[in-house]
PDB file of N, CA and C in Angstrom:
ATOM      1  N   MET A   1       0.997  -0.986   0.167  1.00  0.00           N
ATOM      2  CA  MET A   1      -0.140   0.190  -0.296  1.00  0.00           C
ATOM      3  C   MET A   1       0.719   1.405  -0.069  1.00  0.00           C
ATOM      4  N   ILE A   2       0.334   2.666  -0.985  1.00  0.00           N
ATOM      5  CA  ILE A   2       1.373   3.797  -0.950  1.00  0.00           C
ATOM      6  C   ILE A   2       0.450   4.216  -0.492  1.00  0.00           C
ATOM      7  N   LEU A   3       1.413   5.094   0.952  1.00  0.00           N
ATOM      8  CA  LEU A   3       0.829   6.371   1.820  1.00  0.00           C
ATOM      9  C   LEU A   3       1.580   7.353   0.536  1.00  0.00           C
ATOM     10  N   ILE A   4      -0.176   8.216   0.883  1.00  0.00           N
ATOM     11  CA  ILE A   4       0.299   9.689   0.015  1.00  0.00           C
ATOM     12  C   ILE A   4       1.377  10.313   1.206  1.00  0.00           C
ATOM     13  N   GLY A   5       2.457  11.067   0.045  1.00  0.00           N
ATOM     14  CA  GLY A   5       3.783  11.380   0.622  1.00  0.00           C
ATOM     15  C   GLY A   5       4.927  10.798   0.558  1.00  0.00           C
ATOM     16  N   ASP A   6       4.444   8.777   0.525  1.00  0.00           N
ATOM     17  CA  ASP A   6       5.664   8.285   0.449  1.00  0.00           C
ATOM     18  C   ASP A   6       6.556   7.922  -1.124  1.00  0.00           C
ATOM     19  N   THR A   7       6.987   9.649  -1.213  1.00  0.00           N
ATOM     20  CA  THR A   7       7.769   9.879  -2.792  1.00  0.00           C
ATOM     21  C   THR A   7       8.832   8.575  -3.149  1.00  0.00           C
ATOM     22  N   LEU A   8       9.348   8.479  -2.482  1.00  0.00           N
ATOM     23  CA  LEU A   8      10.349   7.083  -2.551  1.00  0.00           C
ATOM     24  C   LEU A   8       9.942   5.752  -3.154  1.00  0.00           C
ATOM     25  N   LYS A   9       8.597   5.413  -2.322  1.00  0.00           N
ATOM     26  CA  LYS A   9       8.384   4.076  -3.141  1.00  0.00           C
ATOM     27  C   LYS A   9       7.094   4.742  -4.610  1.00  0.00           C
ATOM     28  N   ALA A  10       6.898   5.338  -4.025  1.00  0.00           N
ATOM     29  CA  ALA A  10       6.036   6.169  -5.868  1.00  0.00           C
ATOM     30  C   ALA A  10       7.244   5.988  -6.916  1.00  0.00           C
ATOM     31  N   ILE A  11       8.279   6.721  -7.102  1.00  0.00           N
ATOM     32  CA  ILE A  11       9.044   6.641  -8.085  1.00  0.00           C
ATOM     33  C   ILE A  11       9.991   4.888  -7.593  1.00  0.00           C
ATOM     34  N   GLU A  12      10.110   4.459  -6.781  1.00  0.00           N
ATOM     35  CA  GLU A  12      10.115   2.700  -7.118  1.00  0.00           C
ATOM     36  C   GLU A  12       9.048   2.324  -7.921  1.00  0.00           C
ATOM     37  N   HIS A  13       7.934   2.296  -7.552  1.00  0.00           N
ATOM     38  CA  HIS A  13       6.790   1.910  -8.647  1.00  0.00           C
ATOM     39  C   HIS A  13       6.768   2.482 -10.236  1.00  0.00           C
ATOM     40  N   TYR A  14       7.409   3.378 -10.256  1.00  0.00           N
ATOM     41  CA  TYR A  14       7.154   4.140 -11.596  1.00  0.00           C
ATOM     42  C   TYR A  14       8.585   3.628 -12.131  1.00  0.00           C
ATOM     43  N   SER A  15       9.973   3.494 -11.489  1.00  0.00           N
ATOM     44  CA  SER A  15      10.782   3.342 -12.205  1.00  0.00           C
ATOM     45  C   SER A  15      10.347   1.224 -12.767  1.00  0.00           C
ATOM     46  N   TYR A  16      10.142   0.772 -11.890  1.00  0.00           N
ATOM     47  CA  TYR A  16       9.146  -0.285 -12.122  1.00  0.00           C
ATOM     48  C   TYR A  16       8.725  -0.922 -13.221  1.00  0.00           C
ATOM     49  N   ALA A  17       7.174   0.241 -13.676  1.00  0.00           N
ATOM     50  CA  ALA A  17       6.812   0.352 -14.525  1.00  0.00           C
ATOM     51  C   ALA A  17       7.538   0.546 -15.913  1.00  0.00           C
ATOM     52  N   GLY A  18       8.364   1.371 -15.725  1.00  0.00           N
ATOM     53  CA  GLY A  18       9.420   2.202 -16.939  1.00  0.00           C
ATOM     54  C   GLY A  18      10.030   1.040 -17.805  1.00  0.00           C
ATOM     55  N   ARG A  19      10.633  -0.090 -16.446  1.00  0.00           N
ATOM     56  CA  ARG A  19      11.523  -1.234 -16.881  1.00  0.00           C
ATOM     57  C   ARG A  19      10.674  -2.332 -17.510  1.00  0.00           C
ATOM     58  N   MET A  20       9.077  -2.427 -16.986  1.00  0.00           N
ATOM     59  CA  MET A  20       8.547  -3.187 -17.993  1.00  0.00           C
ATOM     60  C   MET A  20       8.041  -2.673 -19.057  1.00  0.00           C
ATOM     61  N   VAL A  21       7.633  -1.960 -19.313  1.00  0.00           N
ATOM     62  CA  VAL A  21       7.325  -1.212 -20.734  1.00  0.00           C
ATOM     63  C   VAL A  21       8.797   0.131 -21.080  1.00  0.00           C
ATOM     64  N   PRO A  22       9.593  -0.149 -21.703  1.00  0.00           N
ATOM     65  CA  PRO A  22      10.472   0.850 -21.280  1.00  0.00           C
ATOM     66  C   PRO A  22      10.395   2.147 -22.711  1.00  0.00           C
ATOM     67  N   SER A  23       9.564   2.133 -23.553  1.00  0.00           N
ATOM     68  CA  SER A  23       9.032   2.750 -24.094  1.00  0.00           C
ATOM     69  C   SER A  23       7.950   4.153 -24.236  1.00  0.00           C
ATOM     70  N   LYS A  24       6.837   3.816 -22.740  1.00  0.00           N
ATOM     71  CA  LYS A  24       6.180   4.354 -22.237  1.00  0.00           C
ATOM     72  C   LYS A  24       7.103   5.772 -21.260  1.00  0.00           C
ATOM     73  N   PHE A  25       6.222   6.921 -21.713  1.00  0.00           N
ATOM     74  CA  PHE A  25       6.838   8.423 -21.204  1.00  0.00           C
ATOM     75  C   PHE A  25       6.036   8.260 -19.473  1.00  0.00           C
ATOM     76  N   LEU A  26       5.328   8.115 -19.471  1.00  0.00           N
ATOM     77  CA  LEU A  26       4.493   8.524 -17.979  1.00  0.00           C
ATOM     78  C   LEU A  26       5.294   8.111 -17.104  1.00  0.00           C
ATOM     79  N   PRO A  27       6.160   7.023 -17.206  1.00  0.00           N
ATOM     80  CA  PRO A  27       6.558   7.130 -15.901  1.00  0.00           C
ATOM     81  C   PRO A  27       7.405   7.281 -15.590  1.00  0.00           C
ATOM     82  N   GLN A  28       8.341   7.931 -16.230  1.00  0.00           N
ATOM     83  CA  GLN A  28       9.747   8.397 -16.508  1.00  0.00           C
ATOM     84  C   GLN A  28       9.379  10.422 -16.026  1.00  0.00           C
ATOM     85  N   TYR A  29       7.464  10.704 -16.858  1.00  0.00           N
ATOM     86  CA  TYR A  29       7.565  12.008 -16.786  1.00  0.00           C
ATOM     87  C   TYR A  29       7.100  11.939 -15.205  1.00  0.00           C
ATOM     88  N   TYR A  30       6.665  11.318 -14.563  1.00  0.00           N
ATOM     89  CA  TYR A  30       6.265  11.188 -12.951  1.00  0.00           C
ATOM     90  C   TYR A  30       7.447  11.025 -12.161  1.00  0.00           C
ATOM     91  N   ILE A  31       8.395  10.341 -12.468  1.00  0.00           N
ATOM     92  CA  ILE A  31       9.380  10.037 -11.443  1.00  0.00           C
ATOM     93  C   ILE A  31       9.784  11.752 -11.936  1.00  0.00           C
ATOM     94  N   MET A  32      10.146  12.699 -12.438  1.00  0.00           N
ATOM     95  CA  MET A  32      10.353  13.296 -13.040  1.00  0.00           C
ATOM     96  C   MET A  32       9.827  14.874 -12.279  1.00  0.00           C
ATOM     97  N   ASN A  33       8.609  14.692 -12.468  1.00  0.00           N
ATOM     98  CA  ASN A  33       7.835  15.768 -12.054  1.00  0.00           C
ATOM     99  C   ASN A  33       7.949  14.888 -10.149  1.00  0.00           C
ATOM    100  N   LEU A  34       8.133  14.330  -9.292  1.00  0.00           N
ATOM    101  CA  LEU A  34       8.011  13.543  -8.384  1.00  0.00           C
ATOM    102  C   LEU A  34       9.431  14.289  -7.552  1.00  0.00           C
ATOM    103  N   CYS A  35      10.355  14.371  -8.373  1.00  0.00           N
ATOM    104  CA  CYS A  35      12.193  14.674  -8.331  1.00  0.00           C
ATOM    105  C   CYS A  35      12.040  16.310  -8.152  1.00  0.00           C
ATOM    106  N   LEU A  36      11.261  16.910  -9.060  1.00  0.00           N
ATOM    107  CA  LEU A  36      11.353  18.404  -9.093  1.00  0.00           C
ATOM    108  C   LEU A  36      10.429  18.867  -7.807  1.00  0.00           C
ATOM    109  N   GLU A  37       9.071  18.426  -7.476  1.00  0.00           N
ATOM    110  CA  GLU A  37       8.443  18.629  -6.364  1.00  0.00           C
ATOM    111  C   GLU A  37       9.468  18.773  -4.557  1.00  0.00           C
ATOM    112  N   GLY A  38      10.445  17.419  -4.740  1.00  0.00           N
ATOM    113  CA  GLY A  38      11.339  17.189  -3.772  1.00  0.00           C
ATOM    114  C   GLY A  38      12.497  17.628  -3.759  1.00  0.00           C
ATOM    115  N   GLY A  39      12.267  19.189  -4.910  1.00  0.00           N
ATOM    116  CA  GLY A  39      13.820  19.168  -4.705  1.00  0.00           C
ATOM    117  C   GLY A  39      14.943  18.850  -4.952  1.00  0.00           C
ATOM    118  N   ASP A  40      15.226  17.984  -5.751  1.00  0.00           N
ATOM    119  CA  ASP A  40      16.021  16.832  -6.154  1.00  0.00           C
ATOM    120  C   ASP A  40      16.339  16.942  -7.520  1.00  0.00           C
ATOM    121  N   THR A  41      16.813  18.271  -8.168  1.00  0.00           N
ATOM    122  CA  THR A  41      16.916  18.786  -9.470  1.00  0.00           C
ATOM    123  C   THR A  41      17.696  17.576 -10.195  1.00  0.00           C
ATOM    124  N   LEU A  42      19.330  17.273  -9.054  1.00  0.00           N
ATOM    125  CA  LEU A  42      19.966  16.322 -10.274  1.00  0.00           C
ATOM    126  C   LEU A  42      19.023  14.992 -10.739  1.00  0.00           C
ATOM    127  N   ASN A  43      18.618  14.920 -10.075  1.00  0.00           N
ATOM    128  CA  ASN A  43      17.617  13.242 -10.466  1.00  0.00           C
ATOM    129  C   ASN A  43      16.393  13.775 -11.856  1.00  0.00           C
ATOM    130  N   ALA A  44      16.013  14.626 -11.601  1.00  0.00           N
ATOM    131  CA  ALA A  44      15.032  15.430 -12.260  1.00  0.00           C
ATOM    132  C   ALA A  44      15.336  15.719 -13.354  1.00  0.00           C
ATOM    133  N   VAL A  45      16.493  16.341 -13.351  1.00  0.00           N
ATOM    134  CA  VAL A  45      17.853  16.754 -14.677  1.00  0.00           C
ATOM    135  C   VAL A  45      17.572  15.539 -15.598  1.00  0.00           C
ATOM    136  N   ASN A  46      18.106  14.520 -14.650  1.00  0.00           N
ATOM    137  CA  ASN A  46      18.561  12.883 -15.349  1.00  0.00           C
ATOM    138  C   ASN A  46      17.339  11.987 -15.936  1.00  0.00           C
ATOM    139  N   THR A  47      16.393  12.431 -15.163  1.00  0.00           N
ATOM    140  CA  THR A  47      14.819  11.639 -15.886  1.00  0.00           C
ATOM    141  C   THR A  47      15.062  12.506 -17.322  1.00  0.00           C
ATOM    142  N   ALA A  48      14.999  13.993 -17.042  1.00  0.00           N
ATOM    143  CA  ALA A  48      14.775  14.633 -18.580  1.00  0.00           C
ATOM    144  C   ALA A  48      15.522  14.279 -19.423  1.00  0.00           C
ATOM    145  N   ASN A  49      16.855  14.323 -19.480  1.00  0.00           N
ATOM    146  CA  ASN A  49      17.404  13.500 -20.261  1.00  0.00           C
ATOM    147  C   ASN A  49      17.171  12.247 -20.536  1.00  0.00           C
ATOM    148  N   VAL A  50      16.696  11.473 -19.851  1.00  0.00           N
ATOM    149  CA  VAL A  50      15.960   9.989 -20.471  1.00  0.00           C
ATOM    150  C   VAL A  50      14.948  10.180 -21.271  1.00  0.00           C
ATOM    151  N   ILE A  51      13.804  10.947 -20.528  1.00  0.00           N
ATOM    152  CA  ILE A  51      12.793  11.282 -21.752  1.00  0.00           C
ATOM    153  C   ILE A  51      13.130  11.874 -22.453  1.00  0.00           C
ATOM    154  N   LEU A  52      13.747  12.274 -22.912  1.00  0.00           N
ATOM    155  CA  LEU A  52      14.277  13.552 -24.217  1.00  0.00           C
ATOM    156  C   LEU A  52      14.993  11.995 -25.131  1.00  0.00           C
ATOM    157  N   ALA A  53      15.593  11.161 -24.578  1.00  0.00           N
ATOM    158  CA  ALA A  53      16.408  10.083 -25.326  1.00  0.00           C
ATOM    159  C   ALA A  53      15.257   9.125 -25.896  1.00  0.00           C
ATOM    160  N   LYS A  54      14.182   9.427 -25.479  1.00  0.00           N
ATOM    161  CA  LYS A  54      13.260   7.952 -25.569  1.00  0.00           C
ATOM    162  C   LYS A  54      12.944   8.137 -27.204  1.00  0.00           C
ATOM    163  N   ASP A  55      12.654   7.007 -27.887  1.00  0.00           N
ATOM    164  CA  ASP A  55      12.170   7.092 -29.419  1.00  0.00           C
ATOM    165  C   ASP A  55      10.440   7.472 -29.380  1.00  0.00           C
ATOM    166  N   VAL A  56      10.162   8.605 -29.743  1.00  0.00           N
ATOM    167  CA  VAL A  56       8.482   8.554 -30.316  1.00  0.00           C
ATOM    168  C   VAL A  56       7.852   7.974 -31.100  1.00  0.00           C
ATOM    169  N   LYS A  57       6.806   6.718 -31.074  1.00  0.00           N
ATOM    170  CA  LYS A  57       6.386   6.468 -31.735  1.00  0.00           C
ATOM    171  C   LYS A  57       4.898   6.964 -32.543  1.00  0.00           C
ATOM    172  N   VAL A  58       4.060   7.677 -31.614  1.00  0.00           N
ATOM    173  CA  VAL A  58       3.524   7.817 -32.085  1.00  0.00           C
ATOM    174  C   VAL A  58       3.582   9.974 -31.969  1.00  0.00           C
ATOM    175  N   GLU A  59       4.092  10.637 -33.739  1.00  0.00           N
ATOM    176  CA  GLU A  59       4.577  11.734 -33.440  1.00  0.00           C
ATOM    177  C   GLU A  59       3.356  12.741 -33.437  1.00  0.00           C
ATOM    178  N   ARG A  60       2.016  12.433 -33.417  1.00  0.00           N
ATOM    179  CA  ARG A  60       1.074  13.097 -33.114  1.00  0.00           C
ATOM    180  C   ARG A  60       0.896  13.287 -31.466  1.00  0.00           C
ATOM    181  N   SER A  61       1.060  12.445 -31.090  1.00  0.00           N
ATOM    182  CA  SER A  61       0.541  11.696 -29.951  1.00  0.00           C
ATOM    183  C   SER A  61       0.791  13.395 -28.682  1.00  0.00           C
ATOM    184  N   LYS A  62      -0.318  14.446 -27.972  1.00  0.00           N
ATOM    185  CA  LYS A  62      -0.432  15.889 -27.443  1.00  0.00           C
ATOM    186  C   LYS A  62       0.591  15.174 -26.072  1.00  0.00           C
ATOM    187  N   ALA A  63       0.064  13.897 -25.378  1.00  0.00           N
ATOM    188  CA  ALA A  63       0.454  13.654 -24.154  1.00  0.00           C
ATOM    189  C   ALA A  63       2.694  14.152 -24.420  1.00  0.00           C
ATOM    190  N   VAL A  64       2.270  12.951 -25.566  1.00  0.00           N
ATOM    191  CA  VAL A  64       4.258  12.851 -25.631  1.00  0.00           C
ATOM    192  C   VAL A  64       4.793  14.508 -25.691  1.00  0.00           C
ATOM    193  N   GLN A  65       4.057  15.141 -26.731  1.00  0.00           N
ATOM    194  CA  GLN A  65       4.460  16.098 -27.017  1.00  0.00           C
ATOM    195  C   GLN A  65       4.920  17.263 -25.832  1.00  0.00           C
ATOM    196  N   ARG A  66       3.350  17.121 -24.799  1.00  0.00           N
ATOM    197  CA  ARG A  66       3.487  17.912 -23.309  1.00  0.00           C
ATOM    198  C   ARG A  66       4.423  17.454 -22.752  1.00  0.00           C
ATOM    199  N   ILE A  67       4.828  15.983 -22.545  1.00  0.00           N
ATOM    200  CA  ILE A  67       6.047  15.687 -21.180  1.00  0.00           C
ATOM    201  C   ILE A  67       6.979  15.733 -22.026  1.00  0.00           C
ATOM    202  N   ILE A  68       7.608  15.950 -23.860  1.00  0.00           N
ATOM    203  CA  ILE A  68       9.273  16.195 -24.509  1.00  0.00           C
ATOM    204  C   ILE A  68       9.067  18.221 -24.229  1.00  0.00           C
ATOM    205  N   ARG A  69       7.905  18.944 -23.630  1.00  0.00           N
ATOM    206  CA  ARG A  69       8.460  19.587 -23.637  1.00  0.00           C
ATOM    207  C   ARG A  69       8.559  20.343 -22.456  1.00  0.00           C
ATOM    208  N   GLU A  70       7.818  19.979 -21.548  1.00  0.00           N
ATOM    209  CA  GLU A  70       8.017  19.821 -20.150  1.00  0.00           C
ATOM    210  C   GLU A  70       9.505  19.396 -19.467  1.00  0.00           C
ATOM    211  N   ALA A  71      10.510  18.285 -20.510  1.00  0.00           N
ATOM    212  CA  ALA A  71      11.200  17.791 -19.777  1.00  0.00           C
ATOM    213  C   ALA A  71      12.240  18.701 -20.018  1.00  0.00           C
ATOM    214  N   GLN A  72      12.070  18.919 -21.767  1.00  0.00           N
ATOM    215  CA  GLN A  72      13.241  20.164 -22.093  1.00  0.00           C
ATOM    216  C   GLN A  72      12.887  21.771 -21.441  1.00  0.00           C
ATOM    217  N   GLU A  73      12.040  21.616 -21.033  1.00  0.00           N
ATOM    218  CA  GLU A  73      12.068  22.873 -20.056  1.00  0.00           C
ATOM    219  C   GLU A  73      12.165  22.799 -19.022  1.00  0.00           C
ATOM    220  N   VAL A  74      12.618  21.638 -18.028  1.00  0.00           N
ATOM    221  CA  VAL A  74      13.586  21.194 -17.158  1.00  0.00           C
ATOM    222  C   VAL A  74      14.803  21.806 -16.615  1.00  0.00           C
ATOM    223  N   LEU A  75      15.535  21.140 -18.425  1.00  0.00           N
ATOM    224  CA  LEU A  75      16.499  21.503 -18.553  1.00  0.00           C
ATOM    225  C   LEU A  75      17.395  22.695 -18.838  1.00  0.00           C
ATOM    226  N   LEU A  76      16.428  23.609 -19.202  1.00  0.00           N
ATOM    227  CA  LEU A  76      16.526  24.916 -19.734  1.00  0.00           C
ATOM    228  C   LEU A  76      16.796  26.007 -18.638  1.00  0.00           C
ATOM    229  N   ASN A  77      15.406  25.361 -17.441  1.00  0.00           N
ATOM    230  CA  ASN A  77      15.663  26.198 -16.305  1.00  0.00           C
ATOM    231  C   ASN A  77      16.916  25.816 -15.497  1.00  0.00           C
ATOM    232  N   GLN A  78      17.375  24.103 -15.744  1.00  0.00           N
ATOM    233  CA  GLN A  78      18.695  24.290 -15.005  1.00  0.00           C
ATOM    234  C   GLN A  78      19.997  24.898 -15.413  1.00  0.00           C
ATOM    235  N   LYS A  79      20.098  24.432 -16.862  1.00  0.00           N
ATOM    236  CA  LYS A  79      20.603  25.760 -17.510  1.00  0.00           C
ATOM    237  C   LYS A  79      20.826  26.983 -16.905  1.00  0.00           C
ATOM    238  N   SER A  80      19.548  27.543 -16.941  1.00  0.00           N
ATOM    239  CA  SER A  80      19.836  29.056 -16.455  1.00  0.00           C
ATOM    240  C   SER A  80      19.982  29.443 -14.825  1.00  0.00           C
ATOM    241  N   LEU A  81      19.645  28.472 -14.189  1.00  0.00           N
ATOM    242  CA  LEU A  81      20.234  27.924 -13.126  1.00  0.00           C
ATOM    243  C   LEU A  81      22.073  28.391 -12.981  1.00  0.00           C
ATOM    244  N   LYS A  82      22.645  27.848 -13.279  1.00  0.00           N
ATOM    245  CA  LYS A  82      24.002  27.547 -13.702  1.00  0.00           C
ATOM    246  C   LYS A  82      25.000  28.978 -14.316  1.00  0.00           C
ATOM    247  N   CYS A  83      24.072  29.567 -15.197  1.00  0.00           N
ATOM    248  CA  CYS A  83      24.527  30.535 -16.051  1.00  0.00           C
ATOM    249  C   CYS A  83      24.280  31.959 -14.626  1.00  0.00           C
ATOM    250  N   ASN A  84      23.533  31.980 -14.067  1.00  0.00           N
ATOM    251  CA  ASN A  84      23.123  33.256 -12.551  1.00  0.00           C
ATOM    252  C   ASN A  84      24.211  32.672 -11.945  1.00  0.00           C
TER     253      ASN A  84
END
């Protein structure tokens, strides 16, 4: 049973789901967001890179386009923080 606020357990389950079907974007997207919410920018950036390295099977998928755009934003925000 996952309790609300059990971030590590949620990440573990999303990682498992991502290993079961590696082509899916949502598990990595959820991990990236959990890392951002928890202030773990290093893992958020690493996960964003994983998302951006995935092959897109359905080019017209609005959900996948949004996930990719948000992953790009994570990387851009991280780069802007390093420059300041």
